[in-house]
Amino acid sequence: MTVDENIKSNSAIRSKGKSSFGVYNIIAIILLIAGYMFLVFSQTSSTINPNFKGIISQLQLLISIVLILKLEKPGKITAFVLNIIALQTVSVGHFVKRAPGALTGVIVAIVSIFIIALIAYLFKEKNLQYNQLAEQKKTTDTLYNELKKSESMLHTLNADLVKSNEELNQNRKKLHQLAYYDVLTGLPNRAMIMETIEKRIAQCHKGQMEGFSIVFLDLDDFKRINDTLGHQEGDEYLRIIGSRLSTVTHENDVCGRLSGDEFCIISLKHDDLQVLADYCERFREVVSRKAVLDGNIVSSGASIGVARYPLDGNTVRELLTSADNSMYAAKRAGKNSVNLPAY
């Protein structure tokens, strides 16, 4: 039940309470008045046998009790008051000496009826208020239950939202992984390598670092492994090489796979050529180690070229081109070697 329906229900109850004074109640009040008038006449008349006066009084009280019980829920209280009033009526009719007995009885009867009507009205209003309070409590309980349901729904929606956010974050991570990491080796891919070079150049422009170097590494005779053992074993060999290169890459450097059998390391080492040469030699050495592929022992050399910023280029394209040319110079020099540009 909605709030509007509860308000309409309360209005209906109030209207019902106001219009409940129907034909039955009017007849009952008329009977009460007639009964009291007859009671006054019987008690003040000298022609009626005194023995019958008590019987008439008791019958009148019985009829009053029945009618009051039908009129109002708190009929017992009203009947008790009615008994007191009836006794007072009889007493005044007998003991008031200076006024005519009939007139005294009529006055007392009128006052009694007024008091009874007032008591009945008060009980009716109290009963109506009680019904209204009960209905308001019912409305409050309904609203409370709806509030609890809404709160439960809110908690459910909040849990769903948290779950959706978690799924969204996971999807973002997956998209980032697919966009910036090589599926085969798990190393940073070409897009991330180029973006990292751009960031390093920007850091140099801001004075946050003086320079950096790019190490280009190409496997020698990798095509022979693919042709003899198949592409599946060739992919496994690329994963092995990627893992080996990662183990010797320094913490702040980036090791990634450009494409095919070409790898790239972005290193902070740039100013000391001997340190840089030793660093490149470690890459060449781990690549030259033998590996076992499907029971076959294979090995490959590595031709390595180097470009330094800003000596060998000021843009990403210039640096990659310089590193690529340096790497091909190592291949022309006999492969499996490191080529450092002379300045």
C-alpha atoms as a PDB file:
ATOM      1  CA  MET A   1       0.000   0.000   0.000  1.00  0.00           C
ATOM      2  CA  THR A   2       1.394   3.369  -1.012  1.00  0.00           C
ATOM      3  CA  VAL A   3       1.370   6.563   1.048  1.00  0.00           C
ATOM      4  CA  ASP A   4      -1.490   8.031  -1.016  1.00  0.00           C
ATOM      5  CA  GLU A   5      -3.567   4.886  -0.513  1.00  0.00           C
ATOM      6  CA  ASN A   6      -2.963   5.026   3.252  1.00  0.00           C
ATOM      7  CA  ILE A   7      -4.039   8.679   3.359  1.00  0.00           C
ATOM      8  CA  LYS A   8      -7.212   7.849   1.454  1.00  0.00           C
ATOM      9  CA  SER A   9      -7.850   4.947   3.833  1.00  0.00           C
ATOM     10  CA  ASN A  10      -7.489   7.235   6.873  1.00  0.00           C
ATOM     11  CA  SER A  11      -9.856   9.769   5.306  1.00  0.00           C
ATOM     12  CA  ALA A  12     -12.389   7.007   4.665  1.00  0.00           C
ATOM     13  CA  ILE A  13     -12.201   5.903   8.294  1.00  0.00           C
ATOM     14  CA  ARG A  14     -12.728   9.453   9.525  1.00  0.00           C
ATOM     15  CA  SER A  15     -15.656   9.901   7.169  1.00  0.00           C
ATOM     16  CA  LYS A  16     -17.098   6.600   8.313  1.00  0.00           C
ATOM     17  CA  GLY A  17     -16.715   7.660  11.937  1.00  0.00           C
ATOM     18  CA  LYS A  18     -18.503  10.920  11.235  1.00  0.00           C
ATOM     19  CA  SER A  19     -21.349   9.279   9.314  1.00  0.00           C
ATOM     20  CA  SER A  20     -21.791   6.295  11.651  1.00  0.00           C
ATOM     21  CA  PHE A  21     -24.627   8.076  13.481  1.00  0.00           C
ATOM     22  CA  GLY A  22     -27.256   6.151  11.487  1.00  0.00           C
ATOM     23  CA  VAL A  23     -30.870   5.101  11.793  1.00  0.00           C
ATOM     24  CA  TYR A  24     -30.113   2.401  14.330  1.00  0.00           C
ATOM     25  CA  ASN A  25     -28.481   4.867  16.702  1.00  0.00           C
ATOM     26  CA  ILE A  26     -31.367   7.320  16.348  1.00  0.00           C
ATOM     27  CA  ILE A  27     -33.913   4.587  17.149  1.00  0.00           C
ATOM     28  CA  ALA A  28     -31.822   3.469  20.110  1.00  0.00           C
ATOM     29  CA  ILE A  29     -31.673   6.998  21.537  1.00  0.00           C
ATOM     30  CA  ILE A  30     -35.436   7.461  21.037  1.00  0.00           C
ATOM     31  CA  LEU A  31     -36.042   4.212  22.906  1.00  0.00           C
ATOM     32  CA  LEU A  32     -33.752   5.373  25.692  1.00  0.00           C
ATOM     33  CA  ILE A  33     -35.606   8.691  25.999  1.00  0.00           C
ATOM     34  CA  ALA A  34     -38.993   6.968  25.944  1.00  0.00           C
ATOM     35  CA  GLY A  35     -37.843   4.457  28.505  1.00  0.00           C
ATOM     36  CA  TYR A  36     -36.571   7.165  30.840  1.00  0.00           C
ATOM     37  CA  MET A  37     -39.796   9.139  30.500  1.00  0.00           C
ATOM     38  CA  PHE A  38     -41.771   6.037  31.354  1.00  0.00           C
ATOM     39  CA  LEU A  39     -39.407   5.377  34.249  1.00  0.00           C
ATOM     40  CA  VAL A  40     -40.012   8.901  35.571  1.00  0.00           C
ATOM     41  CA  PHE A  41     -43.750   8.527  35.215  1.00  0.00           C
ATOM     42  CA  SER A  42     -43.801   5.156  36.901  1.00  0.00           C
ATOM     43  CA  GLN A  43     -41.651   6.275  39.788  1.00  0.00           C
ATOM     44  CA  THR A  44     -43.627   9.496  40.452  1.00  0.00           C
ATOM     45  CA  SER A  45     -47.111   8.168  39.811  1.00  0.00           C
ATOM     46  CA  SER A  46     -49.249   7.283  42.814  1.00  0.00           C
ATOM     47  CA  THR A  47     -51.563   5.016  40.846  1.00  0.00           C
ATOM     48  CA  ILE A  48     -48.919   2.365  40.133  1.00  0.00           C
ATOM     49  CA  ASN A  49     -48.345  -0.346  42.666  1.00  0.00           C
ATOM     50  CA  PRO A  50     -44.965   0.153  44.410  1.00  0.00           C
ATOM     51  CA  ASN A  51     -44.105  -3.478  43.737  1.00  0.00           C
ATOM     52  CA  PHE A  52     -44.239  -2.871  40.026  1.00  0.00           C
ATOM     53  CA  LYS A  53     -42.059   0.234  40.253  1.00  0.00           C
ATOM     54  CA  GLY A  54     -38.976  -1.847  41.093  1.00  0.00           C
ATOM     55  CA  ILE A  55     -39.746  -4.266  38.272  1.00  0.00           C
ATOM     56  CA  ILE A  56     -40.148  -1.390  35.823  1.00  0.00           C
ATOM     57  CA  SER A  57     -36.855   0.140  36.988  1.00  0.00           C
ATOM     58  CA  GLN A  58     -34.999  -3.141  36.514  1.00  0.00           C
ATOM     59  CA  LEU A  59     -36.502  -3.652  33.058  1.00  0.00           C
ATOM     60  CA  GLN A  60     -35.547  -0.108  32.127  1.00  0.00           C
ATOM     61  CA  LEU A  61     -31.965  -0.679  33.288  1.00  0.00           C
ATOM     62  CA  LEU A  62     -31.798  -3.971  31.366  1.00  0.00           C
ATOM     63  CA  ILE A  63     -33.030  -2.316  28.171  1.00  0.00           C
ATOM     64  CA  SER A  64     -30.545   0.537  28.671  1.00  0.00           C
ATOM     65  CA  ILE A  65     -27.672  -1.858  29.179  1.00  0.00           C
ATOM     66  CA  VAL A  66     -28.537  -3.830  26.022  1.00  0.00           C
ATOM     67  CA  LEU A  67     -28.858  -0.660  23.943  1.00  0.00           C
ATOM     68  CA  ILE A  68     -25.637   0.850  25.283  1.00  0.00           C
ATOM     69  CA  LEU A  69     -23.746  -2.385  24.627  1.00  0.00           C
ATOM     70  CA  LYS A  70     -24.943  -2.239  21.046  1.00  0.00           C
ATOM     71  CA  LEU A  71     -24.167   1.453  20.631  1.00  0.00           C
ATOM     72  CA  GLU A  72     -20.575   1.561  21.907  1.00  0.00           C
ATOM     73  CA  LYS A  73     -17.689  -0.823  22.614  1.00  0.00           C
ATOM     74  CA  PRO A  74     -17.143   0.524  26.158  1.00  0.00           C
ATOM     75  CA  GLY A  75     -20.782  -0.294  26.967  1.00  0.00           C
ATOM     76  CA  LYS A  76     -20.072  -1.763  30.365  1.00  0.00           C
ATOM     77  CA  ILE A  77     -18.679   1.534  31.641  1.00  0.00           C
ATOM     78  CA  THR A  78     -21.617   3.429  30.179  1.00  0.00           C
ATOM     79  CA  ALA A  79     -24.106   0.966  31.656  1.00  0.00           C
ATOM     80  CA  PHE A  80     -22.484   1.400  35.062  1.00  0.00           C
ATOM     81  CA  VAL A  81     -22.875   5.166  34.808  1.00  0.00           C
ATOM     82  CA  LEU A  82     -26.439   4.650  33.599  1.00  0.00           C
ATOM     83  CA  ASN A  83     -27.252   2.594  36.683  1.00  0.00           C
ATOM     84  CA  ILE A  84     -26.008   5.403  38.916  1.00  0.00           C
ATOM     85  CA  ILE A  85     -28.061   7.962  36.996  1.00  0.00           C
ATOM     86  CA  ALA A  86     -31.172   5.771  37.176  1.00  0.00           C
ATOM     87  CA  LEU A  87     -30.785   5.404  40.943  1.00  0.00           C
ATOM     88  CA  GLN A  88     -30.389   9.163  41.254  1.00  0.00           C
ATOM     89  CA  THR A  89     -33.505   9.637  39.154  1.00  0.00           C
ATOM     90  CA  VAL A  90     -35.577   7.408  41.426  1.00  0.00           C
ATOM     91  CA  SER A  91     -34.080   8.974  44.557  1.00  0.00           C
ATOM     92  CA  VAL A  92     -34.790  12.536  43.489  1.00  0.00           C
ATOM     93  CA  GLY A  93     -38.321  11.578  42.375  1.00  0.00           C
ATOM     94  CA  HIS A  94     -39.043  10.218  45.875  1.00  0.00           C
ATOM     95  CA  PHE A  95     -37.204  12.646  48.121  1.00  0.00           C
ATOM     96  CA  VAL A  96     -37.592  16.059  46.526  1.00  0.00           C
ATOM     97  CA  LYS A  97     -40.663  17.403  48.366  1.00  0.00           C
ATOM     98  CA  ARG A  98     -41.012  20.978  47.208  1.00  0.00           C
ATOM     99  CA  ALA A  99     -41.279  20.264  43.499  1.00  0.00           C
ATOM    100  CA  PRO A 100     -43.884  18.074  41.813  1.00  0.00           C
ATOM    101  CA  GLY A 101     -42.595  14.544  41.471  1.00  0.00           C
ATOM    102  CA  ALA A 102     -43.319  14.327  37.769  1.00  0.00           C
ATOM    103  CA  LEU A 103     -41.483  17.575  36.989  1.00  0.00           C
ATOM    104  CA  THR A 104     -38.519  16.488  39.070  1.00  0.00           C
ATOM    105  CA  GLY A 105     -38.363  13.183  37.270  1.00  0.00           C
ATOM    106  CA  VAL A 106     -38.546  14.862  33.868  1.00  0.00           C
ATOM    107  CA  ILE A 107     -35.732  17.287  34.713  1.00  0.00           C
ATOM    108  CA  VAL A 108     -33.554  14.498  36.066  1.00  0.00           C
ATOM    109  CA  ALA A 109     -34.334  12.366  33.025  1.00  0.00           C
ATOM    110  CA  ILE A 110     -33.369  15.179  30.658  1.00  0.00           C
ATOM    111  CA  VAL A 111     -30.114  15.789  32.527  1.00  0.00           C
ATOM    112  CA  SER A 112     -29.420  12.050  32.582  1.00  0.00           C
ATOM    113  CA  ILE A 113     -30.031  11.732  28.857  1.00  0.00           C
ATOM    114  CA  PHE A 114     -27.727  14.689  28.215  1.00  0.00           C
ATOM    115  CA  ILE A 115     -25.006  13.145  30.353  1.00  0.00           C
ATOM    116  CA  ILE A 116     -25.442   9.773  28.672  1.00  0.00           C
ATOM    117  CA  ALA A 117     -25.289  11.391  25.222  1.00  0.00           C
ATOM    118  CA  LEU A 118     -22.147  13.306  26.231  1.00  0.00           C
ATOM    119  CA  ILE A 119     -20.482  10.151  27.577  1.00  0.00           C
ATOM    120  CA  ALA A 120     -21.456   8.231  24.464  1.00  0.00           C
ATOM    121  CA  TYR A 121     -20.090  11.036  22.269  1.00  0.00           C
ATOM    122  CA  LEU A 122     -16.808  11.125  24.210  1.00  0.00           C
ATOM    123  CA  PHE A 123     -16.462   7.355  23.928  1.00  0.00           C
ATOM    124  CA  LYS A 124     -17.256   7.573  20.222  1.00  0.00           C
ATOM    125  CA  GLU A 125     -14.593  10.236  19.679  1.00  0.00           C
ATOM    126  CA  LYS A 126     -12.124   8.262  21.739  1.00  0.00           C
ATOM    127  CA  ASN A 127     -12.887   5.144  19.763  1.00  0.00           C
ATOM    128  CA  LEU A 128     -12.532   7.068  16.514  1.00  0.00           C
ATOM    129  CA  GLN A 129      -9.183   8.451  17.638  1.00  0.00           C
ATOM    130  CA  TYR A 130      -8.091   4.975  18.640  1.00  0.00           C
ATOM    131  CA  ASN A 131      -9.016   3.668  15.187  1.00  0.00           C
ATOM    132  CA  GLN A 132      -7.176   6.539  13.560  1.00  0.00           C
ATOM    133  CA  LEU A 133      -4.083   5.881  15.693  1.00  0.00           C
ATOM    134  CA  ALA A 134      -4.271   2.176  14.869  1.00  0.00           C
ATOM    135  CA  GLU A 135      -4.522   2.986  11.164  1.00  0.00           C
ATOM    136  CA  GLN A 136      -1.670   5.469  11.432  1.00  0.00           C
ATOM    137  CA  LYS A 137       0.417   2.794  13.146  1.00  0.00           C
ATOM    138  CA  LYS A 138      -0.463   0.429  10.331  1.00  0.00           C
ATOM    139  CA  THR A 139       0.573   3.107   7.838  1.00  0.00           C
ATOM    140  CA  THR A 140       3.824   3.686   9.740  1.00  0.00           C
ATOM    141  CA  ASP A 141       4.532  -0.059   9.813  1.00  0.00           C
ATOM    142  CA  THR A 142       3.852  -0.252   6.081  1.00  0.00           C
ATOM    143  CA  LEU A 143       6.167   2.673   5.396  1.00  0.00           C
ATOM    144  CA  TYR A 144       8.813   1.121   7.652  1.00  0.00           C
ATOM    145  CA  ASN A 145       8.568  -2.186   5.790  1.00  0.00           C
ATOM    146  CA  GLU A 146       8.812  -0.364   2.472  1.00  0.00           C
ATOM    147  CA  LEU A 147      11.817   1.525   3.800  1.00  0.00           C
ATOM    148  CA  LYS A 148      13.489  -1.738   4.830  1.00  0.00           C
ATOM    149  CA  LYS A 149      12.757  -3.191   1.400  1.00  0.00           C
ATOM    150  CA  SER A 150      14.180  -0.071  -0.242  1.00  0.00           C
ATOM    151  CA  GLU A 151      17.238  -0.302   2.004  1.00  0.00           C
ATOM    152  CA  SER A 152      17.682  -3.939   1.061  1.00  0.00           C
ATOM    153  CA  MET A 153      17.333  -3.064  -2.617  1.00  0.00           C
ATOM    154  CA  LEU A 154      19.855  -0.253  -2.146  1.00  0.00           C
ATOM    155  CA  HIS A 155      22.324  -2.656  -0.563  1.00  0.00           C
ATOM    156  CA  THR A 156      21.787  -5.072  -3.442  1.00  0.00           C
ATOM    157  CA  LEU A 157      22.288  -2.316  -6.002  1.00  0.00           C
ATOM    158  CA  ASN A 158      25.383  -1.133  -4.157  1.00  0.00           C
ATOM    159  CA  ALA A 159      26.798  -4.664  -4.143  1.00  0.00           C
ATOM    160  CA  ASP A 160      26.021  -4.962  -7.859  1.00  0.00           C
ATOM    161  CA  LEU A 161      27.700  -1.599  -8.456  1.00  0.00           C
ATOM    162  CA  VAL A 162      30.808  -2.690  -6.551  1.00  0.00           C
ATOM    163  CA  LYS A 163      30.869  -5.923  -8.530  1.00  0.00           C
ATOM    164  CA  SER A 164      30.430  -3.993 -11.790  1.00  0.00           C
ATOM    165  CA  ASN A 165      33.285  -1.654 -10.834  1.00  0.00           C
ATOM    166  CA  GLU A 166      35.503  -4.625 -10.069  1.00  0.00           C
ATOM    167  CA  GLU A 167      34.632  -6.205 -13.406  1.00  0.00           C
ATOM    168  CA  LEU A 168      35.247  -2.864 -15.129  1.00  0.00           C
ATOM    169  CA  ASN A 169      38.666  -2.558 -13.484  1.00  0.00           C
ATOM    170  CA  GLN A 170      39.501  -6.114 -14.488  1.00  0.00           C
ATOM    171  CA  ASN A 171      38.429  -5.400 -18.057  1.00  0.00           C
ATOM    172  CA  ARG A 172      40.532  -2.236 -18.058  1.00  0.00           C
ATOM    173  CA  LYS A 173      43.517  -4.222 -16.862  1.00  0.00           C
ATOM    174  CA  LYS A 174      42.894  -6.803 -19.585  1.00  0.00           C
ATOM    175  CA  LEU A 175      42.613  -4.091 -22.225  1.00  0.00           C
ATOM    176  CA  HIS A 176      45.777  -2.445 -20.924  1.00  0.00           C
ATOM    177  CA  GLN A 177      47.524  -5.826 -20.996  1.00  0.00           C
ATOM    178  CA  LEU A 178      46.399  -6.449 -24.569  1.00  0.00           C
ATOM    179  CA  ALA A 179      47.285  -2.910 -25.661  1.00  0.00           C
ATOM    180  CA  TYR A 180      50.731  -2.636 -24.081  1.00  0.00           C
ATOM    181  CA  TYR A 181      52.057  -6.170 -23.596  1.00  0.00           C
ATOM    182  CA  ASP A 182      53.098  -8.870 -26.003  1.00  0.00           C
ATOM    183  CA  VAL A 183      50.753 -11.876 -25.952  1.00  0.00           C
ATOM    184  CA  LEU A 184      53.513 -14.385 -26.684  1.00  0.00           C
ATOM    185  CA  THR A 185      56.282 -13.340 -24.258  1.00  0.00           C
ATOM    186  CA  GLY A 186      54.388 -11.150 -21.762  1.00  0.00           C
ATOM    187  CA  LEU A 187      56.947  -8.374 -22.299  1.00  0.00           C
ATOM    188  CA  PRO A 188      56.028  -4.771 -23.170  1.00  0.00           C
ATOM    189  CA  ASN A 189      55.074  -4.537 -26.846  1.00  0.00           C
ATOM    190  CA  ARG A 190      55.986  -2.016 -29.527  1.00  0.00           C
ATOM    191  CA  ALA A 191      53.276   0.478 -28.431  1.00  0.00           C
ATOM    192  CA  MET A 192      54.524   0.559 -24.838  1.00  0.00           C
ATOM    193  CA  ILE A 193      58.160   0.799 -25.945  1.00  0.00           C
ATOM    194  CA  MET A 194      57.443   3.817 -28.147  1.00  0.00           C
ATOM    195  CA  GLU A 195      55.360   5.460 -25.402  1.00  0.00           C
ATOM    196  CA  THR A 196      58.153   4.861 -22.874  1.00  0.00           C
ATOM    197  CA  ILE A 197      60.696   6.481 -25.211  1.00  0.00           C
ATOM    198  CA  GLU A 198      58.410   9.512 -25.561  1.00  0.00           C
ATOM    199  CA  LYS A 199      58.143   9.784 -21.765  1.00  0.00           C
ATOM    200  CA  ARG A 200      61.928   9.565 -21.368  1.00  0.00           C
ATOM    201  CA  ILE A 201      62.401  12.320 -23.941  1.00  0.00           C
ATOM    202  CA  ALA A 202      59.873  14.495 -22.080  1.00  0.00           C
ATOM    203  CA  GLN A 203      61.704  13.866 -18.797  1.00  0.00           C
ATOM    204  CA  CYS A 204      64.964  14.958 -20.399  1.00  0.00           C
ATOM    205  CA  HIS A 205      63.310  18.164 -21.642  1.00  0.00           C
ATOM    206  CA  LYS A 206      62.083  18.877 -18.098  1.00  0.00           C
ATOM    207  CA  GLY A 207      65.558  18.325 -16.679  1.00  0.00           C
ATOM    208  CA  GLN A 208      64.497  15.243 -14.701  1.00  0.00           C
ATOM    209  CA  MET A 209      67.179  13.135 -16.414  1.00  0.00           C
ATOM    210  CA  GLU A 210      70.138  13.823 -18.703  1.00  0.00           C
ATOM    211  CA  GLY A 211      69.729  11.054 -21.225  1.00  0.00           C
ATOM    212  CA  PHE A 212      69.093   7.371 -21.916  1.00  0.00           C
ATOM    213  CA  SER A 213      69.992   4.668 -24.413  1.00  0.00           C
ATOM    214  CA  ILE A 214      68.099   2.236 -26.630  1.00  0.00           C
ATOM    215  CA  VAL A 215      69.456  -1.271 -27.083  1.00  0.00           C
ATOM    216  CA  PHE A 216      68.253  -3.091 -30.221  1.00  0.00           C
ATOM    217  CA  LEU A 217      68.601  -6.910 -30.189  1.00  0.00           C
ATOM    218  CA  ASP A 218      67.896  -9.228 -33.105  1.00  0.00           C
ATOM    219  CA  LEU A 219      68.258 -13.018 -32.950  1.00  0.00           C
ATOM    220  CA  ASP A 220      70.674 -14.514 -35.456  1.00  0.00           C
ATOM    221  CA  ASP A 221      69.409 -17.336 -37.677  1.00  0.00           C
ATOM    222  CA  PHE A 222      66.052 -17.524 -35.916  1.00  0.00           C
ATOM    223  CA  LYS A 223      64.429 -18.499 -39.217  1.00  0.00           C
ATOM    224  CA  ARG A 224      66.397 -21.748 -39.140  1.00  0.00           C
ATOM    225  CA  ILE A 225      64.720 -22.740 -35.850  1.00  0.00           C
ATOM    226  CA  ASN A 226      61.270 -22.057 -37.277  1.00  0.00           C
ATOM    227  CA  ASP A 227      62.021 -23.974 -40.485  1.00  0.00           C
ATOM    228  CA  THR A 228      63.474 -27.046 -38.758  1.00  0.00           C
ATOM    229  CA  LEU A 229      61.344 -27.342 -35.602  1.00  0.00           C
ATOM    230  CA  GLY A 230      58.186 -25.470 -36.611  1.00  0.00           C
ATOM    231  CA  HIS A 231      56.603 -22.204 -35.525  1.00  0.00           C
ATOM    232  CA  GLN A 232      55.256 -23.631 -32.280  1.00  0.00           C
ATOM    233  CA  GLU A 233      58.764 -24.458 -31.076  1.00  0.00           C
ATOM    234  CA  GLY A 234      59.945 -21.131 -32.474  1.00  0.00           C
ATOM    235  CA  ASP A 235      57.381 -19.317 -30.303  1.00  0.00           C
ATOM    236  CA  GLU A 236      58.544 -21.290 -27.292  1.00  0.00           C
ATOM    237  CA  TYR A 237      62.122 -20.237 -28.030  1.00  0.00           C
ATOM    238  CA  LEU A 238      61.046 -16.571 -28.166  1.00  0.00           C
ATOM    239  CA  ARG A 239      59.415 -16.973 -24.738  1.00  0.00           C
ATOM    240  CA  ILE A 240      62.673 -18.443 -23.373  1.00  0.00           C
ATOM    241  CA  ILE A 241      64.736 -15.580 -24.787  1.00  0.00           C
ATOM    242  CA  GLY A 242      62.280 -12.976 -23.412  1.00  0.00           C
ATOM    243  CA  SER A 243      62.517 -14.526 -19.940  1.00  0.00           C
ATOM    244  CA  ARG A 244      66.340 -14.554 -20.099  1.00  0.00           C
ATOM    245  CA  LEU A 245      66.517 -10.906 -21.162  1.00  0.00           C
ATOM    246  CA  SER A 246      64.171  -9.915 -18.310  1.00  0.00           C
ATOM    247  CA  THR A 247      66.412 -11.578 -15.735  1.00  0.00           C
ATOM    248  CA  VAL A 248      69.407  -9.363 -16.616  1.00  0.00           C
ATOM    249  CA  THR A 249      67.474  -6.123 -17.234  1.00  0.00           C
ATOM    250  CA  HIS A 250      68.016  -3.573 -14.476  1.00  0.00           C
ATOM    251  CA  GLU A 251      65.139  -2.480 -12.280  1.00  0.00           C
ATOM    252  CA  ASN A 252      64.488   0.929 -13.852  1.00  0.00           C
ATOM    253  CA  ASP A 253      65.013  -0.260 -17.431  1.00  0.00           C
ATOM    254  CA  VAL A 254      62.321  -1.542 -19.804  1.00  0.00           C
ATOM    255  CA  CYS A 255      62.753  -4.736 -21.812  1.00  0.00           C
ATOM    256  CA  GLY A 256      60.212  -5.429 -24.553  1.00  0.00           C
ATOM    257  CA  ARG A 257      59.581  -7.207 -27.829  1.00  0.00           C
ATOM    258  CA  LEU A 258      59.227  -5.036 -30.915  1.00  0.00           C
ATOM    259  CA  SER A 259      58.136  -7.708 -33.407  1.00  0.00           C
ATOM    260  CA  GLY A 260      59.209 -11.118 -34.635  1.00  0.00           C
ATOM    261  CA  ASP A 261      62.638 -11.890 -33.171  1.00  0.00           C
ATOM    262  CA  GLU A 262      63.494  -8.250 -32.382  1.00  0.00           C
ATOM    263  CA  PHE A 263      63.780  -7.078 -28.767  1.00  0.00           C
ATOM    264  CA  CYS A 264      64.428  -3.632 -27.316  1.00  0.00           C
ATOM    265  CA  ILE A 265      65.808  -2.466 -23.963  1.00  0.00           C
ATOM    266  CA  ILE A 266      65.404   1.162 -22.850  1.00  0.00           C
ATOM    267  CA  SER A 267      68.192   1.801 -20.352  1.00  0.00           C
ATOM    268  CA  LEU A 268      69.189   4.702 -18.134  1.00  0.00           C
ATOM    269  CA  LYS A 269      72.841   3.879 -18.879  1.00  0.00           C
ATOM    270  CA  HIS A 270      74.086   6.289 -21.536  1.00  0.00           C
ATOM    271  CA  ASP A 271      77.077   8.356 -20.464  1.00  0.00           C
ATOM    272  CA  ASP A 272      79.694   5.634 -19.854  1.00  0.00           C
ATOM    273  CA  LEU A 273      80.267   3.607 -23.034  1.00  0.00           C
ATOM    274  CA  GLN A 274      82.163   0.856 -21.247  1.00  0.00           C
ATOM    275  CA  VAL A 275      79.368   0.315 -18.716  1.00  0.00           C
ATOM    276  CA  LEU A 276      76.856   0.309 -21.567  1.00  0.00           C
ATOM    277  CA  ALA A 277      78.991  -2.167 -23.557  1.00  0.00           C
ATOM    278  CA  ASP A 278      79.220  -4.541 -20.572  1.00  0.00           C
ATOM    279  CA  TYR A 279      75.453  -4.277 -20.118  1.00  0.00           C
ATOM    280  CA  CYS A 280      74.847  -5.214 -23.770  1.00  0.00           C
ATOM    281  CA  GLU A 281      77.318  -8.063 -23.509  1.00  0.00           C
ATOM    282  CA  ARG A 282      75.237  -9.617 -20.732  1.00  0.00           C
ATOM    283  CA  PHE A 283      72.228  -9.627 -23.074  1.00  0.00           C
ATOM    284  CA  ARG A 284      74.261 -11.256 -25.828  1.00  0.00           C
ATOM    285  CA  GLU A 285      75.605 -13.875 -23.434  1.00  0.00           C
ATOM    286  CA  VAL A 286      72.215 -15.031 -22.091  1.00  0.00           C
ATOM    287  CA  VAL A 287      70.821 -15.263 -25.624  1.00  0.00           C
ATOM    288  CA  SER A 288      73.767 -17.421 -26.750  1.00  0.00           C
ATOM    289  CA  ARG A 289      73.059 -20.067 -24.127  1.00  0.00           C
ATOM    290  CA  LYS A 290      71.659 -23.338 -25.394  1.00  0.00           C
ATOM    291  CA  ALA A 291      67.998 -24.263 -24.981  1.00  0.00           C
ATOM    292  CA  VAL A 292      66.092 -27.541 -25.262  1.00  0.00           C
ATOM    293  CA  LEU A 293      63.033 -27.550 -27.533  1.00  0.00           C
ATOM    294  CA  ASP A 294      61.071 -30.783 -27.798  1.00  0.00           C
ATOM    295  CA  GLY A 295      64.212 -32.788 -27.048  1.00  0.00           C
ATOM    296  CA  ASN A 296      66.343 -30.772 -29.468  1.00  0.00           C
ATOM    297  CA  ILE A 297      69.243 -28.613 -28.290  1.00  0.00           C
ATOM    298  CA  VAL A 298      69.224 -25.274 -30.069  1.00  0.00           C
ATOM    299  CA  SER A 299      71.111 -21.985 -29.731  1.00  0.00           C
ATOM    300  CA  SER A 300      71.190 -18.610 -31.395  1.00  0.00           C
ATOM    301  CA  GLY A 301      73.360 -15.546 -31.327  1.00  0.00           C
ATOM    302  CA  ALA A 302      72.262 -11.933 -30.910  1.00  0.00           C
ATOM    303  CA  SER A 303      73.211  -8.906 -32.967  1.00  0.00           C
ATOM    304  CA  ILE A 304      72.950  -5.818 -30.753  1.00  0.00           C
ATOM    305  CA  GLY A 305      72.942  -2.154 -31.708  1.00  0.00           C
ATOM    306  CA  VAL A 306      72.746   0.953 -29.503  1.00  0.00           C
ATOM    307  CA  ALA A 307      71.438   4.523 -29.862  1.00  0.00           C
ATOM    308  CA  ARG A 308      71.768   7.242 -27.226  1.00  0.00           C
ATOM    309  CA  TYR A 309      69.654  10.281 -26.558  1.00  0.00           C
ATOM    310  CA  PRO A 310      70.280  13.018 -27.534  1.00  0.00           C
ATOM    311  CA  LEU A 311      73.484  12.102 -29.410  1.00  0.00           C
ATOM    312  CA  ASP A 312      71.816   9.730 -31.908  1.00  0.00           C
ATOM    313  CA  GLY A 313      68.406  11.372 -32.215  1.00  0.00           C
ATOM    314  CA  ASN A 314      65.896  13.732 -30.661  1.00  0.00           C
ATOM    315  CA  THR A 315      62.676  11.923 -31.563  1.00  0.00           C
ATOM    316  CA  VAL A 316      61.336   8.407 -31.212  1.00  0.00           C
ATOM    317  CA  ARG A 317      61.664   7.746 -34.918  1.00  0.00           C
ATOM    318  CA  GLU A 318      65.248   9.028 -35.079  1.00  0.00           C
ATOM    319  CA  LEU A 319      66.341   6.982 -32.065  1.00  0.00           C
ATOM    320  CA  LEU A 320      64.726   3.741 -33.326  1.00  0.00           C
ATOM    321  CA  THR A 321      66.249   4.252 -36.762  1.00  0.00           C
ATOM    322  CA  SER A 322      69.708   4.850 -35.277  1.00  0.00           C
ATOM    323  CA  ALA A 323      69.439   1.772 -33.036  1.00  0.00           C
ATOM    324  CA  ASP A 324      68.222  -0.337 -35.977  1.00  0.00           C
ATOM    325  CA  ASN A 325      71.127   0.810 -38.160  1.00  0.00           C
ATOM    326  CA  SER A 326      73.578   0.051 -35.362  1.00  0.00           C
ATOM    327  CA  MET A 327      72.097  -3.435 -34.986  1.00  0.00           C
ATOM    328  CA  TYR A 328      72.463  -4.156 -38.737  1.00  0.00           C
ATOM    329  CA  ALA A 329      76.064  -2.966 -38.528  1.00  0.00           C
ATOM    330  CA  ALA A 330      76.631  -5.704 -35.902  1.00  0.00           C
ATOM    331  CA  LYS A 331      75.106  -8.272 -38.261  1.00  0.00           C
ATOM    332  CA  ARG A 332      77.337  -7.136 -41.104  1.00  0.00           C
ATOM    333  CA  ALA A 333      80.326  -7.419 -38.777  1.00  0.00           C
ATOM    334  CA  GLY A 334      79.688 -11.161 -38.370  1.00  0.00           C
ATOM    335  CA  LYS A 335      76.595 -11.427 -36.139  1.00  0.00           C
ATOM    336  CA  ASN A 336      76.420 -12.334 -32.454  1.00  0.00           C
ATOM    337  CA  SER A 337      78.159  -9.105 -31.488  1.00  0.00           C
ATOM    338  CA  VAL A 338      77.538  -5.669 -29.958  1.00  0.00           C
ATOM    339  CA  ASN A 339      77.942  -2.507 -32.000  1.00  0.00           C
ATOM    340  CA  LEU A 340      78.435   0.803 -30.195  1.00  0.00           C
ATOM    341  CA  PRO A 341      78.481   3.942 -32.364  1.00  0.00           C
ATOM    342  CA  ALA A 342      81.747   5.822 -32.397  1.00  0.00           C
ATOM    343  CA  TYR A 343      81.669   9.527 -31.522  1.00  0.00           C
END
